[in-house]
Amino acid sequence: VFMESAFLVAGIVLGGMGTVGGVLLGASILKLLPEKLRFFQDY
């Protein structure tokens, strides 16, 4: 769905566009946080 595309773009912006380490870091943060913050699901 569209939200997955939005998260991908946000991961690149968050980590740092045009870099390898930045994208890996941003993608890891945005994929890991929702899994570990399920108690915060509504927010």
PDB file of all heavy atoms in Angstrom:
ATOM      1  N   VAL A   1       0.844  -1.185   0.000  1.00  0.00           N
ATOM      2  CA  VAL A   1       0.000   0.000   0.000  1.00  0.00           C
ATOM      3  C   VAL A   1       0.887   1.246   0.000  1.00  0.00           C
ATOM      4  O   VAL A   1       2.109   1.183   0.156  1.00  0.00           O
ATOM      5  CB  VAL A   1      -0.947   0.003   1.222  1.00  0.00           C
ATOM      6  CG1 VAL A   1      -1.923  -1.156   1.133  1.00  0.00           C
ATOM      7  CG2 VAL A   1      -0.142  -0.085   2.513  1.00  0.00           C
ATOM      8  N   PHE A   2       0.239   2.399  -0.128  1.00  0.00           N
ATOM      9  CA  PHE A   2       0.974   3.660  -0.233  1.00  0.00           C
ATOM     10  C   PHE A   2       1.818   3.944   1.004  1.00  0.00           C
ATOM     11  O   PHE A   2       2.921   4.497   0.904  1.00  0.00           O
ATOM     12  CB  PHE A   2      -0.016   4.811  -0.463  1.00  0.00           C
ATOM     13  CG  PHE A   2       0.580   6.165  -0.210  1.00  0.00           C
ATOM     14  CD1 PHE A   2       1.524   6.700  -1.071  1.00  0.00           C
ATOM     15  CD2 PHE A   2       0.210   6.894   0.919  1.00  0.00           C
ATOM     16  CE1 PHE A   2       2.087   7.945  -0.832  1.00  0.00           C
ATOM     17  CE2 PHE A   2       0.773   8.134   1.165  1.00  0.00           C
ATOM     18  CZ  PHE A   2       1.712   8.658   0.295  1.00  0.00           C
ATOM     19  N   MET A   3       1.342   3.577   2.192  1.00  0.00           N
ATOM     20  CA  MET A   3       2.081   3.879   3.411  1.00  0.00           C
ATOM     21  C   MET A   3       3.457   3.236   3.408  1.00  0.00           C
ATOM     22  O   MET A   3       4.411   3.783   3.979  1.00  0.00           O
ATOM     23  CB  MET A   3       1.282   3.431   4.641  1.00  0.00           C
ATOM     24  CG  MET A   3       0.136   4.343   5.012  1.00  0.00           C
ATOM     25  SD  MET A   3       0.664   6.069   5.253  1.00  0.00           S
ATOM     26  CE  MET A   3       1.867   5.880   6.551  1.00  0.00           C
ATOM     27  N   GLU A   4       3.582   2.067   2.768  1.00  0.00           N
ATOM     28  CA  GLU A   4       4.901   1.423   2.685  1.00  0.00           C
ATOM     29  C   GLU A   4       5.855   2.261   1.838  1.00  0.00           C
ATOM     30  O   GLU A   4       7.041   2.396   2.166  1.00  0.00           O
ATOM     31  CB  GLU A   4       4.762   0.017   2.102  1.00  0.00           C
ATOM     32  CG  GLU A   4       3.957  -0.933   2.967  1.00  0.00           C
ATOM     33  CD  GLU A   4       4.641  -1.191   4.303  1.00  0.00           C
ATOM     34  OE1 GLU A   4       5.886  -1.219   4.355  1.00  0.00           O
ATOM     35  OE2 GLU A   4       3.919  -1.345   5.308  1.00  0.00           O
ATOM     36  N   SER A   5       5.359   2.832   0.756  1.00  0.00           N
ATOM     37  CA  SER A   5       6.193   3.723  -0.057  1.00  0.00           C
ATOM     38  C   SER A   5       6.585   4.966   0.734  1.00  0.00           C
ATOM     39  O   SER A   5       7.727   5.437   0.661  1.00  0.00           O
ATOM     40  CB  SER A   5       5.442   4.136  -1.327  1.00  0.00           C
ATOM     41  OG  SER A   5       5.246   3.044  -2.188  1.00  0.00           O
ATOM     42  N   ALA A   6       5.629   5.500   1.498  1.00  0.00           N
ATOM     43  CA  ALA A   6       5.920   6.684   2.311  1.00  0.00           C
ATOM     44  C   ALA A   6       6.999   6.376   3.341  1.00  0.00           C
ATOM     45  O   ALA A   6       7.897   7.192   3.580  1.00  0.00           O
ATOM     46  CB  ALA A   6       4.644   7.172   2.985  1.00  0.00           C
ATOM     47  N   PHE A   7       6.933   5.199   3.954  1.00  0.00           N
ATOM     48  CA  PHE A   7       7.947   4.824   4.940  1.00  0.00           C
ATOM     49  C   PHE A   7       9.311   4.647   4.284  1.00  0.00           C
ATOM     50  O   PHE A   7      10.344   4.969   4.880  1.00  0.00           O
ATOM     51  CB  PHE A   7       7.531   3.543   5.653  1.00  0.00           C
ATOM     52  CG  PHE A   7       6.721   3.782   6.897  1.00  0.00           C
ATOM     53  CD1 PHE A   7       5.341   3.916   6.829  1.00  0.00           C
ATOM     54  CD2 PHE A   7       7.323   3.889   8.127  1.00  0.00           C
ATOM     55  CE1 PHE A   7       4.594   4.145   7.962  1.00  0.00           C
ATOM     56  CE2 PHE A   7       6.575   4.121   9.282  1.00  0.00           C
ATOM     57  CZ  PHE A   7       5.209   4.259   9.195  1.00  0.00           C
ATOM     58  N   LEU A   8       9.346   4.128   3.069  1.00  0.00           N
ATOM     59  CA  LEU A   8      10.619   3.981   2.360  1.00  0.00           C
ATOM     60  C   LEU A   8      11.262   5.341   2.099  1.00  0.00           C
ATOM     61  O   LEU A   8      12.458   5.539   2.343  1.00  0.00           O
ATOM     62  CB  LEU A   8      10.399   3.233   1.045  1.00  0.00           C
ATOM     63  CG  LEU A   8      10.187   1.723   1.129  1.00  0.00           C
ATOM     64  CD1 LEU A   8       9.751   1.169  -0.218  1.00  0.00           C
ATOM     65  CD2 LEU A   8      11.466   1.030   1.591  1.00  0.00           C
ATOM     66  N   VAL A   9      10.463   6.289   1.596  1.00  0.00           N
ATOM     67  CA  VAL A   9      10.990   7.633   1.344  1.00  0.00           C
ATOM     68  C   VAL A   9      11.428   8.278   2.651  1.00  0.00           C
ATOM     69  O   VAL A   9      12.497   8.911   2.724  1.00  0.00           O
ATOM     70  CB  VAL A   9       9.925   8.499   0.635  1.00  0.00           C
ATOM     71  CG1 VAL A   9      10.425   9.932   0.471  1.00  0.00           C
ATOM     72  CG2 VAL A   9       9.588   7.913  -0.735  1.00  0.00           C
ATOM     73  N   ALA A  10      10.629   8.105   3.705  1.00  0.00           N
ATOM     74  CA  ALA A  10      10.982   8.695   4.992  1.00  0.00           C
ATOM     75  C   ALA A  10      12.264   8.094   5.550  1.00  0.00           C
ATOM     76  O   ALA A  10      13.069   8.794   6.176  1.00  0.00           O
ATOM     77  CB  ALA A  10       9.837   8.491   5.984  1.00  0.00           C
ATOM     78  N   GLY A  11      12.481   6.800   5.333  1.00  0.00           N
ATOM     79  CA  GLY A  11      13.714   6.174   5.791  1.00  0.00           C
ATOM     80  C   GLY A  11      14.942   6.766   5.129  1.00  0.00           C
ATOM     81  O   GLY A  11      15.982   6.971   5.773  1.00  0.00           O
ATOM     82  N   ILE A  12      14.827   7.071   3.838  1.00  0.00           N
ATOM     83  CA  ILE A  12      15.949   7.681   3.116  1.00  0.00           C
ATOM     84  C   ILE A  12      16.201   9.097   3.616  1.00  0.00           C
ATOM     85  O   ILE A  12      17.348   9.506   3.849  1.00  0.00           O
ATOM     86  CB  ILE A  12      15.658   7.671   1.603  1.00  0.00           C
ATOM     87  CG1 ILE A  12      15.601   6.232   1.102  1.00  0.00           C
ATOM     88  CG2 ILE A  12      16.708   8.460   0.836  1.00  0.00           C
ATOM     89  CD1 ILE A  12      15.186   6.115  -0.340  1.00  0.00           C
ATOM     90  N   VAL A  13      15.138   9.866   3.798  1.00  0.00           N
ATOM     91  CA  VAL A  13      15.282  11.243   4.280  1.00  0.00           C
ATOM     92  C   VAL A  13      15.823  11.258   5.701  1.00  0.00           C
ATOM     93  O   VAL A  13      16.685  12.075   6.050  1.00  0.00           O
ATOM     94  CB  VAL A  13      13.933  11.982   4.198  1.00  0.00           C
ATOM     95  CG1 VAL A  13      14.033  13.365   4.806  1.00  0.00           C
ATOM     96  CG2 VAL A  13      13.471  12.078   2.744  1.00  0.00           C
ATOM     97  N   LEU A  14      15.337  10.360   6.531  1.00  0.00           N
ATOM     98  CA  LEU A  14      15.766  10.306   7.928  1.00  0.00           C
ATOM     99  C   LEU A  14      17.242   9.928   8.037  1.00  0.00           C
ATOM    100  O   LEU A  14      17.999  10.524   8.808  1.00  0.00           O
ATOM    101  CB  LEU A  14      14.910   9.306   8.703  1.00  0.00           C
ATOM    102  CG  LEU A  14      15.269   9.081  10.178  1.00  0.00           C
ATOM    103  CD1 LEU A  14      15.046  10.349  10.979  1.00  0.00           C
ATOM    104  CD2 LEU A  14      14.446   7.934  10.757  1.00  0.00           C
ATOM    105  N   GLY A  15      17.665   8.938   7.266  1.00  0.00           N
ATOM    106  CA  GLY A  15      19.047   8.491   7.363  1.00  0.00           C
ATOM    107  C   GLY A  15      20.032   9.397   6.652  1.00  0.00           C
ATOM    108  O   GLY A  15      21.133   9.629   7.142  1.00  0.00           O
ATOM    109  N   GLY A  16      19.649   9.906   5.501  1.00  0.00           N
ATOM    110  CA  GLY A  16      20.561  10.737   4.721  1.00  0.00           C
ATOM    111  C   GLY A  16      20.561  10.305   3.262  1.00  0.00           C
ATOM    112  O   GLY A  16      21.055   9.217   2.941  1.00  0.00           O
ATOM    113  N   MET A  17      20.005  11.134   2.395  1.00  0.00           N
ATOM    114  CA  MET A  17      19.866  10.778   0.985  1.00  0.00           C
ATOM    115  C   MET A  17      21.230  10.671   0.308  1.00  0.00           C
ATOM    116  O   MET A  17      22.131  11.472   0.555  1.00  0.00           O
ATOM    117  CB  MET A  17      19.009  11.809   0.254  1.00  0.00           C
ATOM    118  CG  MET A  17      17.555  11.806   0.685  1.00  0.00           C
ATOM    119  SD  MET A  17      16.495  12.745  -0.438  1.00  0.00           S
ATOM    120  CE  MET A  17      17.155  14.379  -0.235  1.00  0.00           C
ATOM    121  N   GLY A  18      21.359   9.657  -0.543  1.00  0.00           N
ATOM    122  CA  GLY A  18      22.571   9.494  -1.333  1.00  0.00           C
ATOM    123  C   GLY A  18      23.697   8.764  -0.631  1.00  0.00           C
ATOM    124  O   GLY A  18      24.775   8.633  -1.190  1.00  0.00           O
ATOM    125  N   THR A  19      23.483   8.280   0.593  1.00  0.00           N
ATOM    126  CA  THR A  19      24.520   7.560   1.323  1.00  0.00           C
ATOM    127  C   THR A  19      24.071   6.130   1.591  1.00  0.00           C
ATOM    128  O   THR A  19      22.872   5.821   1.579  1.00  0.00           O
ATOM    129  CB  THR A  19      24.836   8.242   2.660  1.00  0.00           C
ATOM    130  OG1 THR A  19      23.674   8.215   3.497  1.00  0.00           O
ATOM    131  CG2 THR A  19      25.268   9.679   2.445  1.00  0.00           C
ATOM    132  N   VAL A  20      25.046   5.259   1.848  1.00  0.00           N
ATOM    133  CA  VAL A  20      24.741   3.859   2.142  1.00  0.00           C
ATOM    134  C   VAL A  20      24.393   3.692   3.616  1.00  0.00           C
ATOM    135  O   VAL A  20      23.341   3.157   3.969  1.00  0.00           O
ATOM    136  CB  VAL A  20      25.928   2.958   1.755  1.00  0.00           C
ATOM    137  CG1 VAL A  20      25.669   1.528   2.212  1.00  0.00           C
ATOM    138  CG2 VAL A  20      26.165   2.996   0.254  1.00  0.00           C
ATOM    139  N   GLY A  21      25.279   4.172   4.483  1.00  0.00           N
ATOM    140  CA  GLY A  21      25.044   4.019   5.915  1.00  0.00           C
ATOM    141  C   GLY A  21      23.796   4.725   6.393  1.00  0.00           C
ATOM    142  O   GLY A  21      23.058   4.211   7.247  1.00  0.00           O
ATOM    143  N   GLY A  22      23.521   5.912   5.846  1.00  0.00           N
ATOM    144  CA  GLY A  22      22.344   6.656   6.255  1.00  0.00           C
ATOM    145  C   GLY A  22      21.052   5.935   5.917  1.00  0.00           C
ATOM    146  O   GLY A  22      20.123   5.879   6.734  1.00  0.00           O
ATOM    147  N   VAL A  23      20.982   5.376   4.704  1.00  0.00           N
ATOM    148  CA  VAL A  23      19.767   4.674   4.300  1.00  0.00           C
ATOM    149  C   VAL A  23      19.573   3.412   5.137  1.00  0.00           C
ATOM    150  O   VAL A  23      18.458   3.098   5.564  1.00  0.00           O
ATOM    151  CB  VAL A  23      19.837   4.333   2.801  1.00  0.00           C
ATOM    152  CG1 VAL A  23      18.693   3.423   2.398  1.00  0.00           C
ATOM    153  CG2 VAL A  23      19.806   5.605   1.968  1.00  0.00           C
ATOM    154  N   LEU A  24      20.660   2.683   5.394  1.00  0.00           N
ATOM    155  CA  LEU A  24      20.551   1.481   6.226  1.00  0.00           C
ATOM    156  C   LEU A  24      20.071   1.841   7.633  1.00  0.00           C
ATOM    157  O   LEU A  24      19.220   1.151   8.204  1.00  0.00           O
ATOM    158  CB  LEU A  24      21.902   0.770   6.294  1.00  0.00           C
ATOM    159  CG  LEU A  24      22.418   0.173   4.977  1.00  0.00           C
ATOM    160  CD1 LEU A  24      23.781  -0.459   5.191  1.00  0.00           C
ATOM    161  CD2 LEU A  24      21.441  -0.862   4.440  1.00  0.00           C
ATOM    162  N   LEU A  25      20.607   2.930   8.182  1.00  0.00           N
ATOM    163  CA  LEU A  25      20.206   3.350   9.527  1.00  0.00           C
ATOM    164  C   LEU A  25      18.752   3.812   9.550  1.00  0.00           C
ATOM    165  O   LEU A  25      17.968   3.409  10.427  1.00  0.00           O
ATOM    166  CB  LEU A  25      21.130   4.462  10.014  1.00  0.00           C
ATOM    167  CG  LEU A  25      20.816   5.049  11.397  1.00  0.00           C
ATOM    168  CD1 LEU A  25      20.924   3.970  12.469  1.00  0.00           C
ATOM    169  CD2 LEU A  25      21.743   6.214  11.710  1.00  0.00           C
ATOM    170  N   GLY A  26      18.359   4.667   8.603  1.00  0.00           N
ATOM    171  CA  GLY A  26      16.992   5.166   8.566  1.00  0.00           C
ATOM    172  C   GLY A  26      15.974   4.063   8.348  1.00  0.00           C
ATOM    173  O   GLY A  26      14.928   4.020   9.027  1.00  0.00           O
ATOM    174  N   ALA A  27      16.275   3.138   7.423  1.00  0.00           N
ATOM    175  CA  ALA A  27      15.353   2.032   7.172  1.00  0.00           C
ATOM    176  C   ALA A  27      15.237   1.125   8.388  1.00  0.00           C
ATOM    177  O   ALA A  27      14.141   0.641   8.716  1.00  0.00           O
ATOM    178  CB  ALA A  27      15.825   1.230   5.955  1.00  0.00           C
ATOM    179  N   SER A  28      16.351   0.895   9.069  1.00  0.00           N
ATOM    180  CA  SER A  28      16.323   0.037  10.260  1.00  0.00           C
ATOM    181  C   SER A  28      15.478   0.672  11.357  1.00  0.00           C
ATOM    182  O   SER A  28      14.686  -0.018  12.022  1.00  0.00           O
ATOM    183  CB  SER A  28      17.745  -0.212  10.762  1.00  0.00           C
ATOM    184  OG  SER A  28      18.526  -0.853   9.771  1.00  0.00           O
ATOM    185  N   ILE A  29      15.628   1.982  11.555  1.00  0.00           N
ATOM    186  CA  ILE A  29      14.861   2.666  12.605  1.00  0.00           C
ATOM    187  C   ILE A  29      13.362   2.599  12.309  1.00  0.00           C
ATOM    188  O   ILE A  29      12.549   2.255  13.181  1.00  0.00           O
ATOM    189  CB  ILE A  29      15.321   4.123  12.737  1.00  0.00           C
ATOM    190  CG1 ILE A  29      16.736   4.178  13.321  1.00  0.00           C
ATOM    191  CG2 ILE A  29      14.362   4.928  13.613  1.00  0.00           C
ATOM    192  CD1 ILE A  29      17.319   5.570  13.366  1.00  0.00           C
ATOM    193  N   LEU A  30      12.979   2.897  11.070  1.00  0.00           N
ATOM    194  CA  LEU A  30      11.558   2.964  10.743  1.00  0.00           C
ATOM    195  C   LEU A  30      10.905   1.588  10.685  1.00  0.00           C
ATOM    196  O   LEU A  30       9.684   1.474  10.823  1.00  0.00           O
ATOM    197  CB  LEU A  30      11.366   3.686   9.407  1.00  0.00           C
ATOM    198  CG  LEU A  30      11.655   5.184   9.427  1.00  0.00           C
ATOM    199  CD1 LEU A  30      11.274   5.816   8.099  1.00  0.00           C
ATOM    200  CD2 LEU A  30      10.908   5.873  10.555  1.00  0.00           C
ATOM    201  N   LYS A  31      11.692   0.550  10.453  1.00  0.00           N
ATOM    202  CA  LYS A  31      11.123  -0.805  10.445  1.00  0.00           C
ATOM    203  C   LYS A  31      11.126  -1.412  11.839  1.00  0.00           C
ATOM    204  O   LYS A  31      10.230  -2.200  12.188  1.00  0.00           O
ATOM    205  CB  LYS A  31      11.926  -1.700   9.498  1.00  0.00           C
ATOM    206  CG  LYS A  31      11.233  -3.015   9.167  1.00  0.00           C
ATOM    207  CD  LYS A  31       9.956  -2.780   8.392  1.00  0.00           C
ATOM    208  CE  LYS A  31       9.286  -4.090   8.003  1.00  0.00           C
ATOM    209  NZ  LYS A  31       8.031  -3.867   7.266  1.00  0.00           N
ATOM    210  N   LEU A  32      12.115  -1.041  12.650  1.00  0.00           N
ATOM    211  CA  LEU A  32      12.248  -1.634  13.971  1.00  0.00           C
ATOM    212  C   LEU A  32      11.298  -1.007  14.987  1.00  0.00           C
ATOM    213  O   LEU A  32      10.704  -1.710  15.818  1.00  0.00           O
ATOM    214  CB  LEU A  32      13.691  -1.499  14.453  1.00  0.00           C
ATOM    215  CG  LEU A  32      14.070  -2.183  15.767  1.00  0.00           C
ATOM    216  CD1 LEU A  32      13.843  -3.685  15.655  1.00  0.00           C
ATOM    217  CD2 LEU A  32      15.517  -1.880  16.122  1.00  0.00           C
ATOM    218  N   LEU A  33      11.143   0.317  14.931  1.00  0.00           N
ATOM    219  CA  LEU A  33      10.320   0.997  15.927  1.00  0.00           C
ATOM    220  C   LEU A  33       8.872   0.508  15.947  1.00  0.00           C
ATOM    221  O   LEU A  33       8.330   0.253  17.027  1.00  0.00           O
ATOM    222  CB  LEU A  33      10.364   2.507  15.701  1.00  0.00           C
ATOM    223  CG  LEU A  33      11.663   3.210  16.109  1.00  0.00           C
ATOM    224  CD1 LEU A  33      11.553   4.697  15.873  1.00  0.00           C
ATOM    225  CD2 LEU A  33      12.001   2.933  17.571  1.00  0.00           C
ATOM    226  N   PRO A  34       8.189   0.361  14.795  1.00  0.00           N
ATOM    227  CA  PRO A  34       6.801  -0.132  14.865  1.00  0.00           C
ATOM    228  C   PRO A  34       6.696  -1.530  15.469  1.00  0.00           C
ATOM    229  O   PRO A  34       5.686  -1.853  16.110  1.00  0.00           O
ATOM    230  CB  PRO A  34       6.352  -0.125  13.394  1.00  0.00           C
ATOM    231  CG  PRO A  34       7.228   0.876  12.732  1.00  0.00           C
ATOM    232  CD  PRO A  34       8.547   0.753  13.411  1.00  0.00           C
ATOM    233  N   GLU A  35       7.722  -2.368  15.255  1.00  0.00           N
ATOM    234  CA  GLU A  35       7.666  -3.720  15.802  1.00  0.00           C
ATOM    235  C   GLU A  35       7.832  -3.715  17.318  1.00  0.00           C
ATOM    236  O   GLU A  35       7.215  -4.519  18.016  1.00  0.00           O
ATOM    237  CB  GLU A  35       8.775  -4.574  15.169  1.00  0.00           C
ATOM    238  CG  GLU A  35       8.615  -4.811  13.680  1.00  0.00           C
ATOM    239  CD  GLU A  35       7.412  -5.680  13.358  1.00  0.00           C
ATOM    240  OE1 GLU A  35       6.966  -6.435  14.254  1.00  0.00           O
ATOM    241  OE2 GLU A  35       6.900  -5.600  12.227  1.00  0.00           O
ATOM    242  N   LYS A  36       8.655  -2.812  17.833  1.00  0.00           N
ATOM    243  CA  LYS A  36       8.923  -2.782  19.268  1.00  0.00           C
ATOM    244  C   LYS A  36       7.970  -1.873  20.039  1.00  0.00           C
ATOM    245  O   LYS A  36       7.962  -1.920  21.267  1.00  0.00           O
ATOM    246  CB  LYS A  36      10.370  -2.328  19.502  1.00  0.00           C
ATOM    247  CG  LYS A  36      11.392  -3.398  19.150  1.00  0.00           C
ATOM    248  CD  LYS A  36      11.216  -4.623  20.030  1.00  0.00           C
ATOM    249  CE  LYS A  36      12.207  -5.711  19.730  1.00  0.00           C
ATOM    250  NZ  LYS A  36      12.013  -6.895  20.606  1.00  0.00           N
ATOM    251  N   LEU A  37       7.203  -1.068  19.347  1.00  0.00           N
ATOM    252  CA  LEU A  37       6.288  -0.136  20.019  1.00  0.00           C
ATOM    253  C   LEU A  37       4.840  -0.478  19.719  1.00  0.00           C
ATOM    254  O   LEU A  37       4.009   0.387  19.464  1.00  0.00           O
ATOM    255  CB  LEU A  37       6.599   1.301  19.605  1.00  0.00           C
ATOM    256  CG  LEU A  37       8.017   1.801  19.904  1.00  0.00           C
ATOM    257  CD1 LEU A  37       8.170   3.240  19.467  1.00  0.00           C
ATOM    258  CD2 LEU A  37       8.352   1.648  21.380  1.00  0.00           C
ATOM    259  N   ARG A  38       4.528  -1.765  19.754  1.00  0.00           N
ATOM    260  CA  ARG A  38       3.155  -2.182  19.465  1.00  0.00           C
ATOM    261  C   ARG A  38       2.171  -1.692  20.520  1.00  0.00           C
ATOM    262  O   ARG A  38       0.983  -1.528  20.249  1.00  0.00           O
ATOM    263  CB  ARG A  38       3.090  -3.706  19.340  1.00  0.00           C
ATOM    264  CG  ARG A  38       3.795  -4.235  18.096  1.00  0.00           C
ATOM    265  CD  ARG A  38       3.565  -5.719  17.900  1.00  0.00           C
ATOM    266  NE  ARG A  38       4.205  -6.209  16.684  1.00  0.00           N
ATOM    267  CZ  ARG A  38       3.651  -6.156  15.480  1.00  0.00           C
ATOM    268  NH1 ARG A  38       2.463  -5.629  15.344  1.00  0.00           N
ATOM    269  NH2 ARG A  38       4.289  -6.619  14.433  1.00  0.00           N
ATOM    270  N   PHE A  39       2.650  -1.482  21.756  1.00  0.00           N
ATOM    271  CA  PHE A  39       1.767  -0.953  22.789  1.00  0.00           C
ATOM    272  C   PHE A  39       1.350   0.478  22.475  1.00  0.00           C
ATOM    273  O   PHE A  39       0.374   0.993  23.014  1.00  0.00           O
ATOM    274  CB  PHE A  39       2.485  -0.978  24.145  1.00  0.00           C
ATOM    275  CG  PHE A  39       3.580   0.043  24.284  1.00  0.00           C
ATOM    276  CD1 PHE A  39       3.349   1.242  24.929  1.00  0.00           C
ATOM    277  CD2 PHE A  39       4.839  -0.175  23.742  1.00  0.00           C
ATOM    278  CE1 PHE A  39       4.343   2.185  25.060  1.00  0.00           C
ATOM    279  CE2 PHE A  39       5.847   0.759  23.867  1.00  0.00           C
ATOM    280  CZ  PHE A  39       5.597   1.944  24.530  1.00  0.00           C
ATOM    281  N   PHE A  40       2.096   1.113  21.550  1.00  0.00           N
ATOM    282  CA  PHE A  40       1.824   2.491  21.150  1.00  0.00           C
ATOM    283  C   PHE A  40       1.151   2.521  19.776  1.00  0.00           C
ATOM    284  O   PHE A  40       1.254   3.496  19.045  1.00  0.00           O
ATOM    285  CB  PHE A  40       3.160   3.240  21.096  1.00  0.00           C
ATOM    286  CG  PHE A  40       3.039   4.726  21.337  1.00  0.00           C
ATOM    287  CD1 PHE A  40       2.529   5.216  22.521  1.00  0.00           C
ATOM    288  CD2 PHE A  40       3.446   5.624  20.373  1.00  0.00           C
ATOM    289  CE1 PHE A  40       2.423   6.571  22.742  1.00  0.00           C
ATOM    290  CE2 PHE A  40       3.347   6.984  20.578  1.00  0.00           C
ATOM    291  CZ  PHE A  40       2.830   7.452  21.772  1.00  0.00           C
ATOM    292  N   GLN A  41       0.461   1.411  19.447  1.00  0.00           N
ATOM    293  CA  GLN A  41      -0.001   1.193  18.085  1.00  0.00           C
ATOM    294  C   GLN A  41      -0.919   2.300  17.576  1.00  0.00           C
ATOM    295  O   GLN A  41      -0.804   2.733  16.427  1.00  0.00           O
ATOM    296  CB  GLN A  41      -0.712  -0.158  17.995  1.00  0.00           C
ATOM    297  CG  GLN A  41      -1.150  -0.530  16.578  1.00  0.00           C
ATOM    298  CD  GLN A  41      -1.671  -1.953  16.521  1.00  0.00           C
ATOM    299  OE1 GLN A  41      -1.721  -2.646  17.536  1.00  0.00           O
ATOM    300  NE2 GLN A  41      -2.061  -2.394  15.344  1.00  0.00           N
ATOM    301  N   ASP A  42      -1.812   2.776  18.415  1.00  0.00           N
ATOM    302  CA  ASP A  42      -2.776   3.788  17.968  1.00  0.00           C
ATOM    303  C   ASP A  42      -2.126   5.140  17.714  1.00  0.00           C
ATOM    304  O   ASP A  42      -2.748   6.018  17.097  1.00  0.00           O
ATOM    305  CB  ASP A  42      -3.881   3.937  19.006  1.00  0.00           C
ATOM    306  CG  ASP A  42      -4.717   2.670  19.134  1.00  0.00           C
ATOM    307  OD1 ASP A  42      -4.741   1.891  18.162  1.00  0.00           O
ATOM    308  OD2 ASP A  42      -5.332   2.461  20.200  1.00  0.00           O
ATOM    309  N   TYR A  43      -0.918   5.329  18.222  1.00  0.00           N
ATOM    310  CA  TYR A  43      -0.270   6.632  18.105  1.00  0.00           C
ATOM    311  C   TYR A  43       1.063   6.547  17.356  1.00  0.00           C
ATOM    312  O   TYR A  43       1.851   7.473  17.413  1.00  0.00           O
ATOM    313  CB  TYR A  43      -0.025   7.225  19.500  1.00  0.00           C
ATOM    314  CG  TYR A  43      -1.283   7.328  20.329  1.00  0.00           C
ATOM    315  CD1 TYR A  43      -1.588   6.348  21.257  1.00  0.00           C
ATOM    316  CD2 TYR A  43      -2.154   8.402  20.166  1.00  0.00           C
ATOM    317  CE1 TYR A  43      -2.743   6.443  22.020  1.00  0.00           C
ATOM    318  CE2 TYR A  43      -3.302   8.496  20.923  1.00  0.00           C
ATOM    319  CZ  TYR A  43      -3.597   7.513  21.844  1.00  0.00           C
ATOM    320  OH  TYR A  43      -4.748   7.607  22.588  1.00  0.00           O
TER     321      TYR A  43
END
